[in-house]
Protein backbone atom coordinates (compact mmCIF):
# COMPACT_ATOMS: atom_id res chain seq x y z
CA MET A 1 43.46 -11.12 -71.26
CA PHE A 2 45.22 -14.13 -72.80
CA ARG A 3 47.35 -16.17 -70.42
CA ALA A 4 49.36 -19.23 -71.33
CA PHE A 5 49.67 -21.86 -68.63
CA VAL A 6 53.03 -23.59 -68.81
CA PRO A 7 53.23 -27.31 -68.00
CA ALA A 8 55.43 -28.41 -65.13
CA ALA A 9 59.10 -27.74 -65.88
CA PRO A 10 62.22 -26.81 -63.94
CA ALA A 11 61.98 -23.17 -65.07
CA LEU A 12 59.51 -20.83 -66.68
CA ASN A 13 60.61 -20.33 -70.31
CA ARG A 14 60.07 -16.85 -71.75
CA ARG A 15 58.81 -18.16 -75.08
CA HIS A 16 55.77 -19.61 -73.33
CA LEU A 17 54.63 -16.24 -71.95
CA LEU A 18 51.86 -14.39 -73.76
CA ILE A 19 51.30 -10.87 -72.51
CA GLY A 20 47.72 -9.75 -73.16
CA ALA A 21 46.29 -6.31 -73.76
CA THR A 22 45.39 -5.69 -70.10
CA ALA A 23 48.90 -6.49 -68.94
CA LEU A 24 50.41 -4.28 -71.64
CA ALA A 25 48.21 -1.37 -70.62
CA ALA A 26 49.42 -1.56 -67.04
CA SER A 27 53.07 -2.43 -67.69
CA SER A 28 56.16 -1.28 -69.47
CA ILE A 29 56.81 -2.90 -72.81
CA ILE A 30 60.20 -4.36 -71.95
CA PRO A 31 62.86 -3.56 -74.54
CA PRO A 32 64.54 -6.66 -76.06
CA ALA A 33 67.74 -5.94 -74.17
CA PHE A 34 65.91 -6.42 -70.90
CA GLY A 35 63.88 -9.46 -71.89
CA LYS A 36 66.54 -11.89 -70.71
CA ALA A 37 66.76 -10.13 -67.35
CA VAL A 38 63.01 -10.44 -66.78
CA GLU A 39 63.14 -14.09 -67.82
CA GLY A 40 65.94 -14.74 -65.37
CA PHE A 41 64.09 -12.95 -62.58
CA VAL A 42 60.93 -15.00 -63.20
CA ASP A 43 62.96 -18.22 -63.31
CA SER A 44 64.73 -17.47 -60.03
CA THR A 45 61.42 -16.49 -58.41
CA TRP A 46 59.89 -19.78 -59.50
CA ALA A 47 62.79 -21.70 -58.00
CA LYS A 48 62.31 -19.95 -54.65
CA ALA A 49 58.53 -20.38 -54.74
CA GLN A 50 58.78 -24.05 -55.64
CA ALA A 51 61.13 -24.63 -52.71
CA ARG A 52 58.48 -23.10 -50.43
CA GLY A 53 55.74 -25.43 -51.69
CA VAL A 54 54.10 -23.24 -54.32
CA SER A 55 52.66 -25.24 -57.21
CA ARG A 56 53.30 -24.51 -60.87
CA LYS A 57 49.59 -23.85 -61.36
CA ILE A 58 49.48 -21.17 -58.68
CA PHE A 59 52.76 -19.65 -59.83
CA ASN A 60 51.59 -19.41 -63.42
CA ALA A 61 48.25 -17.88 -62.37
CA ALA A 62 50.06 -15.23 -60.33
CA MET A 63 53.20 -14.62 -62.41
CA GLY A 64 52.63 -16.13 -65.85
CA ASP A 65 52.18 -12.80 -67.60
CA PHE A 66 54.55 -10.71 -65.49
CA ALA A 67 56.14 -7.60 -66.87
CA PRO A 68 57.44 -4.78 -64.66
CA VAL A 69 54.66 -2.28 -64.03
CA THR A 70 55.57 1.21 -65.20
CA LYS A 71 53.56 3.06 -62.57
CA VAL A 72 55.05 1.03 -59.72
CA LEU A 73 58.58 1.69 -60.97
CA GLU A 74 57.83 5.40 -61.25
CA LEU A 75 56.42 5.59 -57.73
CA SER A 76 59.41 3.74 -56.28
CA ARG A 77 61.86 6.10 -57.97
CA LYS A 78 60.03 9.37 -57.46
CA GLN A 79 59.65 9.83 -53.73
CA PRO A 80 60.61 13.42 -52.99
CA GLU A 81 60.46 14.72 -49.46
CA PHE A 82 56.81 15.28 -48.67
CA VAL A 83 55.96 17.85 -46.05
CA SER A 84 52.49 18.45 -44.71
CA THR A 85 51.13 19.97 -41.55
CA ALA A 86 48.99 17.89 -39.23
CA ALA A 87 46.10 20.19 -40.14
CA ASP A 88 46.47 19.39 -43.84
CA TYR A 89 46.92 15.68 -43.25
CA ILE A 90 43.94 15.28 -40.97
CA GLY A 91 41.74 17.67 -42.94
CA LYS A 92 42.05 15.46 -46.00
CA ARG A 93 41.31 12.24 -44.13
CA VAL A 94 38.86 13.05 -41.35
CA THR A 95 35.73 14.70 -42.70
CA ASP A 96 32.08 14.80 -41.79
CA GLY A 97 31.48 12.32 -44.59
CA GLN A 98 34.10 9.89 -43.31
CA ALA A 99 32.72 10.12 -39.79
CA GLY A 100 29.16 9.59 -41.00
CA LYS A 101 30.17 6.61 -43.10
CA GLY A 102 31.98 5.15 -40.11
CA GLN A 103 28.82 5.48 -38.06
CA ASP A 104 26.88 3.73 -40.81
CA MET A 105 29.41 0.91 -40.85
CA ARG A 106 29.24 0.63 -37.08
CA ALA A 107 25.48 0.16 -37.33
CA GLU A 108 25.81 -2.37 -40.15
CA TRP A 109 28.45 -4.46 -38.41
CA THR A 110 27.39 -3.96 -34.79
CA LYS A 111 27.15 -7.64 -33.90
CA THR A 112 30.43 -8.57 -35.57
CA LEU A 113 32.26 -5.64 -34.00
CA GLY A 114 30.87 -6.54 -30.59
CA VAL A 115 32.26 -10.06 -30.79
CA ILE A 116 35.60 -8.77 -32.08
CA ALA A 117 35.83 -6.17 -29.31
CA GLU A 118 35.16 -8.81 -26.68
CA ARG A 119 37.66 -11.23 -28.17
CA TYR A 120 40.52 -8.79 -28.78
CA GLY A 121 39.83 -5.93 -26.37
CA VAL A 122 39.90 -3.26 -29.09
CA GLN A 123 37.12 -0.70 -29.31
CA PRO A 124 34.99 -0.90 -32.48
CA GLU A 125 35.59 2.78 -33.30
CA ALA A 126 39.37 2.29 -33.41
CA ILE A 127 38.96 -0.65 -35.80
CA LEU A 128 36.55 1.32 -37.97
CA ALA A 129 38.85 4.35 -38.03
CA ILE A 130 41.79 2.35 -39.36
CA TRP A 131 39.51 0.73 -41.94
CA GLY A 132 38.29 4.17 -42.97
CA ILE A 133 41.74 5.76 -43.20
CA GLU A 134 43.31 2.80 -45.01
CA THR A 135 40.72 2.00 -47.68
CA ASN A 136 37.69 4.25 -47.16
CA TYR A 137 35.86 1.35 -45.53
CA GLY A 138 36.78 -0.95 -48.40
CA GLY A 139 35.87 1.60 -51.05
CA TYR A 140 39.32 1.46 -52.59
CA MET A 141 41.80 -1.30 -51.78
CA GLY A 142 44.27 -0.48 -54.53
CA GLY A 143 44.33 -1.37 -58.20
CA ASN A 144 47.53 -3.37 -58.43
CA ARG A 145 47.92 -7.12 -58.66
CA THR A 146 49.97 -7.72 -55.54
CA PRO A 147 52.42 -10.31 -56.92
CA HIS A 148 53.14 -8.09 -59.93
CA ALA A 149 53.65 -4.98 -57.80
CA LEU A 150 56.02 -6.81 -55.46
CA ALA A 151 57.84 -8.47 -58.35
CA THR A 152 58.29 -5.09 -60.03
CA LEU A 153 59.87 -3.62 -56.91
CA ALA A 154 62.16 -6.60 -56.40
CA TYR A 155 63.13 -6.74 -60.08
CA GLY A 156 63.68 -2.99 -60.17
CA GLY A 157 66.11 -3.13 -57.25
CA TYR A 158 64.03 -1.10 -54.83
CA ARG A 159 64.65 -2.76 -51.45
CA ALA A 160 64.92 -5.92 -53.51
CA SER A 161 65.56 -8.30 -50.63
CA TYR A 162 62.54 -7.09 -48.66
CA PHE A 163 60.09 -6.98 -51.55
CA GLY A 164 61.43 -10.23 -52.98
CA ALA A 165 60.66 -11.96 -49.68
CA GLU A 166 57.20 -10.37 -49.61
CA LEU A 167 56.62 -11.66 -53.16
CA ILE A 168 57.36 -15.25 -52.16
CA THR A 169 55.10 -14.87 -49.12
CA SER A 170 52.28 -13.58 -51.34
CA LEU A 171 52.61 -16.70 -53.48
CA GLU A 172 52.43 -18.88 -50.36
CA ILE A 173 49.21 -17.10 -49.38
CA LEU A 174 47.78 -17.93 -52.79
CA GLN A 175 48.93 -21.53 -52.46
CA ALA A 176 47.09 -21.79 -49.14
CA GLY A 177 43.89 -20.77 -50.92
CA HIS A 178 43.06 -17.68 -48.87
CA VAL A 179 42.29 -15.70 -52.04
CA ALA A 180 42.21 -16.29 -55.79
CA PRO A 181 45.17 -14.84 -57.72
CA SER A 182 42.88 -12.46 -59.62
CA ASN A 183 41.52 -11.07 -56.33
CA MET A 184 44.87 -10.47 -54.62
CA VAL A 185 44.98 -6.72 -55.17
CA GLY A 186 46.43 -3.84 -53.23
CA SER A 187 48.66 -0.78 -53.29
CA TRP A 188 51.68 -0.19 -55.52
CA ALA A 189 53.90 -1.22 -52.59
CA GLY A 190 52.09 -4.52 -51.95
CA ALA A 191 49.73 -3.59 -49.09
CA MET A 192 46.63 -5.75 -49.51
CA GLY A 193 42.91 -5.84 -48.92
CA HIS A 194 40.67 -3.93 -46.52
CA PRO A 195 43.35 -3.55 -43.81
CA GLN A 196 46.25 -3.00 -46.26
CA PHE A 197 48.47 -5.72 -44.81
CA MET A 198 51.79 -6.58 -46.37
CA PRO A 199 52.03 -10.33 -47.06
CA SER A 200 54.29 -10.89 -44.03
CA SER A 201 51.80 -9.08 -41.80
CA PHE A 202 49.03 -11.19 -43.28
CA THR A 203 50.80 -14.38 -42.18
CA ARG A 204 51.17 -13.05 -38.63
CA TYR A 205 47.93 -11.20 -37.99
CA ALA A 206 45.20 -12.14 -40.48
CA VAL A 207 42.22 -13.86 -38.87
CA ASP A 208 39.67 -16.38 -40.14
CA PHE A 209 36.77 -14.84 -38.23
CA LYS A 210 34.16 -16.60 -40.38
CA GLY A 211 35.62 -20.01 -39.61
CA ASP A 212 35.69 -21.22 -43.21
CA GLY A 213 39.41 -21.99 -43.25
CA HIS A 214 40.37 -18.86 -45.20
CA GLU A 215 41.70 -15.56 -43.92
CA ASP A 216 40.02 -13.43 -46.55
CA ILE A 217 40.95 -9.80 -45.94
CA TRP A 218 39.83 -8.92 -49.49
CA GLY A 219 36.31 -10.28 -49.69
CA SER A 220 35.25 -10.72 -46.06
CA VAL A 221 34.63 -7.64 -43.92
CA PRO A 222 34.45 -9.73 -40.70
CA ASP A 223 37.83 -11.31 -41.43
CA ALA A 224 39.30 -7.90 -42.21
CA LEU A 225 37.96 -6.20 -39.08
CA ALA A 226 39.09 -9.03 -36.83
CA SER A 227 42.51 -8.92 -38.47
CA ILE A 228 42.86 -5.21 -37.70
CA ALA A 229 41.91 -5.87 -34.08
CA ASN A 230 44.33 -8.78 -33.84
CA TYR A 231 47.12 -6.59 -35.21
CA LEU A 232 46.49 -3.88 -32.62
CA LYS A 233 46.20 -6.39 -29.79
CA SER A 234 49.46 -8.04 -30.84
CA PHE A 235 51.28 -4.73 -30.41
CA GLY A 236 49.91 -4.11 -26.92
CA TRP A 237 46.58 -2.35 -27.32
CA ARG A 238 45.24 -1.53 -23.86
CA ALA A 239 41.61 -2.53 -23.52
CA GLY A 240 39.46 0.16 -21.92
CA GLU A 241 41.88 3.00 -22.68
CA THR A 242 41.48 5.57 -25.41
CA TRP A 243 44.21 6.96 -27.68
CA GLY A 244 44.38 10.40 -26.06
CA TYR A 245 42.70 13.71 -25.21
CA GLU A 246 42.92 17.23 -26.51
CA VAL A 247 44.26 19.35 -23.64
CA LYS A 248 44.78 22.96 -22.63
CA LEU A 249 48.14 24.03 -21.23
CA PRO A 250 48.44 26.55 -18.39
CA THR A 251 49.96 30.01 -18.73
CA GLY A 252 53.73 29.88 -18.27
CA PHE A 253 53.91 26.19 -19.17
CA ASN A 254 57.44 24.85 -19.70
CA TYR A 255 57.34 23.44 -23.25
CA GLN A 256 60.41 21.34 -22.61
CA ASN A 257 57.89 19.02 -20.94
CA VAL A 258 56.55 18.37 -24.43
CA TRP A 259 59.82 17.93 -26.29
CA GLY A 260 61.36 15.85 -23.53
CA GLY A 261 58.82 13.08 -24.13
CA ILE A 262 57.95 12.93 -20.45
CA ASN A 263 55.42 10.26 -19.48
CA ALA A 264 53.28 10.93 -16.43
CA THR A 265 49.84 10.03 -15.16
CA LEU A 266 46.97 12.20 -16.27
CA GLY A 267 46.53 13.05 -12.61
CA ASP A 268 50.10 14.37 -12.46
CA TRP A 269 49.62 16.40 -15.63
CA HIS A 270 46.47 17.84 -14.14
CA GLY A 271 48.45 18.70 -11.04
CA ILE A 272 50.61 21.15 -13.01
CA GLY A 273 47.62 22.71 -14.72
CA VAL A 274 47.07 20.57 -17.82
CA THR A 275 43.33 20.15 -18.35
CA ARG A 276 41.06 18.68 -20.99
CA ALA A 277 40.24 21.23 -23.67
CA ASN A 278 36.51 20.52 -23.41
CA GLY A 279 36.50 21.28 -19.69
CA LYS A 280 35.64 17.74 -18.61
CA ALA A 281 37.70 15.75 -16.12
CA PHE A 282 40.06 13.01 -17.23
CA PRO A 283 37.99 9.83 -16.72
CA ARG A 284 41.00 7.75 -15.62
CA ALA A 285 43.54 9.84 -13.74
CA GLY A 286 45.91 6.90 -13.41
CA ASP A 287 46.43 6.43 -17.16
CA THR A 288 49.86 7.49 -18.35
CA ALA A 289 50.36 9.97 -21.18
CA ARG A 290 52.87 12.20 -22.89
CA LEU A 291 52.13 15.51 -24.55
CA TYR A 292 52.00 15.84 -28.33
CA MET A 293 51.95 19.26 -29.96
CA PRO A 294 51.79 18.86 -33.75
CA MET A 295 51.60 22.56 -34.67
CA GLY A 296 52.88 24.42 -31.65
CA GLY A 297 51.29 25.81 -28.54
CA ASN A 298 48.93 28.03 -30.52
CA GLY A 299 47.15 24.99 -31.96
CA PRO A 300 45.58 21.84 -30.55
CA VAL A 301 47.72 19.99 -28.02
CA PHE A 302 47.14 16.40 -26.95
CA ALA A 303 47.87 14.06 -24.07
CA VAL A 304 48.47 10.80 -25.92
CA LEU A 305 48.22 7.43 -24.21
CA PRO A 306 50.06 4.18 -25.05
CA ASN A 307 47.40 3.21 -27.61
CA PHE A 308 48.52 6.18 -29.71
CA ASP A 309 51.87 4.47 -30.17
CA VAL A 310 50.17 1.16 -30.91
CA ILE A 311 48.36 2.87 -33.80
CA LYS A 312 51.77 4.04 -35.03
CA ARG A 313 52.78 0.40 -35.45
CA TYR A 314 50.29 0.41 -38.31
CA ASN A 315 51.89 3.50 -39.85
CA ASN A 316 54.82 5.14 -38.07
CA SER A 317 53.48 8.67 -38.32
CA ASP A 318 52.18 10.92 -35.56
CA SER A 319 49.78 12.55 -38.02
CA TYR A 320 48.45 9.14 -39.05
CA ALA A 321 47.87 8.11 -35.43
CA LEU A 322 46.16 11.42 -34.68
CA ALA A 323 43.94 11.02 -37.75
CA VAL A 324 42.91 7.51 -36.68
CA GLY A 325 42.25 8.61 -33.11
CA HIS A 326 40.29 11.66 -34.18
CA LEU A 327 38.21 9.69 -36.67
CA ALA A 328 37.43 7.15 -33.95
CA ASP A 329 36.22 10.00 -31.74
CA ARG A 330 34.16 11.45 -34.56
CA ILE A 331 32.50 8.06 -35.14
CA LEU A 332 31.62 8.13 -31.44
CA GLY A 333 29.94 11.50 -32.01
CA VAL A 334 32.63 13.85 -30.73
CA LYS A 335 32.84 17.12 -32.65
CA GLY A 336 36.01 18.67 -34.04
CA PHE A 337 38.98 19.87 -32.05
CA VAL A 338 38.33 22.63 -29.51
CA SER A 339 41.36 24.69 -30.54
CA SER A 340 41.76 25.85 -34.12
CA TRP A 341 44.76 24.95 -36.24
CA PRO A 342 47.13 27.92 -36.72
CA ASN A 343 47.89 29.25 -40.20
CA ASP A 344 51.33 27.74 -40.65
CA THR A 345 53.41 25.60 -42.97
CA ALA A 346 55.66 22.57 -42.58
CA LEU A 347 59.34 22.76 -43.43
CA THR A 348 61.54 20.75 -45.75
CA LYS A 349 64.97 19.55 -44.65
CA ALA A 350 66.52 22.54 -46.43
CA ASP A 351 64.15 24.87 -44.57
CA ARG A 352 65.13 23.33 -41.24
CA GLU A 353 68.79 23.80 -42.12
CA ARG A 354 67.99 27.45 -42.82
CA VAL A 355 66.45 27.76 -39.34
CA GLN A 356 69.61 26.34 -37.82
CA SER A 357 71.83 28.67 -39.87
CA LEU A 358 69.84 31.67 -38.66
CA LEU A 359 70.16 30.52 -35.05
CA LEU A 360 73.92 30.17 -35.51
CA ARG A 361 74.07 33.74 -36.80
CA LYS A 362 72.27 34.85 -33.67
CA GLY A 363 74.99 33.28 -31.53
CA TYR A 364 73.46 29.93 -30.59
CA GLN A 365 76.06 27.15 -30.54
CA ILE A 366 74.05 24.30 -31.95
CA GLY A 367 76.56 22.67 -34.29
CA SER A 368 76.53 22.46 -38.06
CA PRO A 369 73.14 22.74 -39.78
CA ASP A 370 71.84 19.28 -40.63
CA GLY A 371 68.08 19.71 -40.70
CA VAL A 372 67.62 17.52 -37.63
CA ILE A 373 65.86 19.35 -34.81
CA GLY A 374 67.57 17.93 -31.75
CA PRO A 375 67.68 19.10 -28.13
CA LYS A 376 70.24 21.88 -28.76
CA THR A 377 68.26 23.36 -31.63
CA ARG A 378 65.02 23.06 -29.68
CA ALA A 379 66.49 24.78 -26.61
CA ALA A 380 67.86 27.56 -28.79
CA VAL A 381 64.46 28.07 -30.44
CA ILE A 382 62.73 28.28 -27.06
CA ASP A 383 65.28 30.78 -25.77
CA TRP A 384 65.06 32.95 -28.90
CA GLN A 385 61.24 32.88 -28.88
CA SER A 386 61.21 33.96 -25.25
CA ARG A 387 63.60 36.84 -25.93
CA ALA A 388 61.57 37.86 -29.00
CA GLY A 389 58.32 38.01 -27.03
CA LEU A 390 56.83 34.99 -28.79
CA LEU A 391 55.25 31.91 -27.26
CA PRO A 392 58.31 29.84 -26.28
CA ASP A 393 56.96 26.52 -27.51
CA GLY A 394 60.01 25.36 -29.48
CA HIS A 395 57.91 24.55 -32.53
CA VAL A 396 59.91 24.72 -35.77
CA SER A 397 57.73 25.73 -38.69
CA GLY A 398 57.17 28.25 -41.44
CA ASN A 399 56.11 30.94 -38.99
CA LEU A 400 59.32 30.49 -36.99
CA LEU A 401 61.43 30.69 -40.14
CA LYS A 402 59.73 33.94 -41.11
CA ALA A 403 60.23 35.37 -37.62
CA LEU A 404 63.93 34.46 -37.60
CA SER A 405 64.62 35.85 -41.07
């Protein structure tokens, strides 16, 4: 790819930019009417970067051939509601192959992981599980040049303030020499390297484990693993505690105890008949947990500990946290879940509104349908299930919609 380096000047002039074949293949060919807008965006970005100490050389290396990337623009504009059951989500991400590869990585990096675990108080399997879920243990870290992806989002007006700030931060990272511009790659949304950190997260949590002065989450596995551990520790990871346990609920269990988000000690849960699904005792009865039931009472149910919510700081999704926790267990040698996933489907917002409309027709005063399953809707579901002779678990899903129709 041809790249013209522009000598120091107050602004980056469009006539100096040569866009090579590689850039054209990955980017939109900007119509003439938009050329001035791109030029203005690049100029304003340079002004901000220069004020933050970024050199012209680094800026040109990162942004000198910028053109908005078609695929990134398409992904930012085409984000329909995505619905997936926990079974589907985890089934795609936690496999025998992923578990086996995690065990291989644990063997390969045993010494490094041991030092990291001692320093940060995070179990090696949890670190490995996040690495595996995020990038397949470094197998795929994304194919986008991070500054160009972030610039595309900012230029395109998609959360422009946020992604514009992340763009400037990415340039500061390059200026600090942590990675070469050509090696700063990641997802379409700017998540980078083995741990898929956004630039702002990199500045807060990336670690120079090697001690060479560079926090290299792209090329150094030790730096990347330590950075994941540092991230989890920073959000309150509890050393010595796991993420959670699969549990079995007693006959006649009040499922409002699930939906109410009640936190209690494992000993207290055991006192009302909640037991581990594998028949073993809870190893630490004093640990606190809440119940999580991703697909209703007819599927696996979990007592999740505070570390489950720490994992969600990485990705605010219950299914993501469950996938990470389960993969960590599988790396430890634990088999699959004891209970089988039910044959069920997730619902779109329109489907949830349909559930609420059907409940209204049956006389439940739950307010106008809005697709949000709040306490009134949940209580109505539990009452209707009980009257209909179904398990009164309050779970809103495809099976419930069929039963109500």
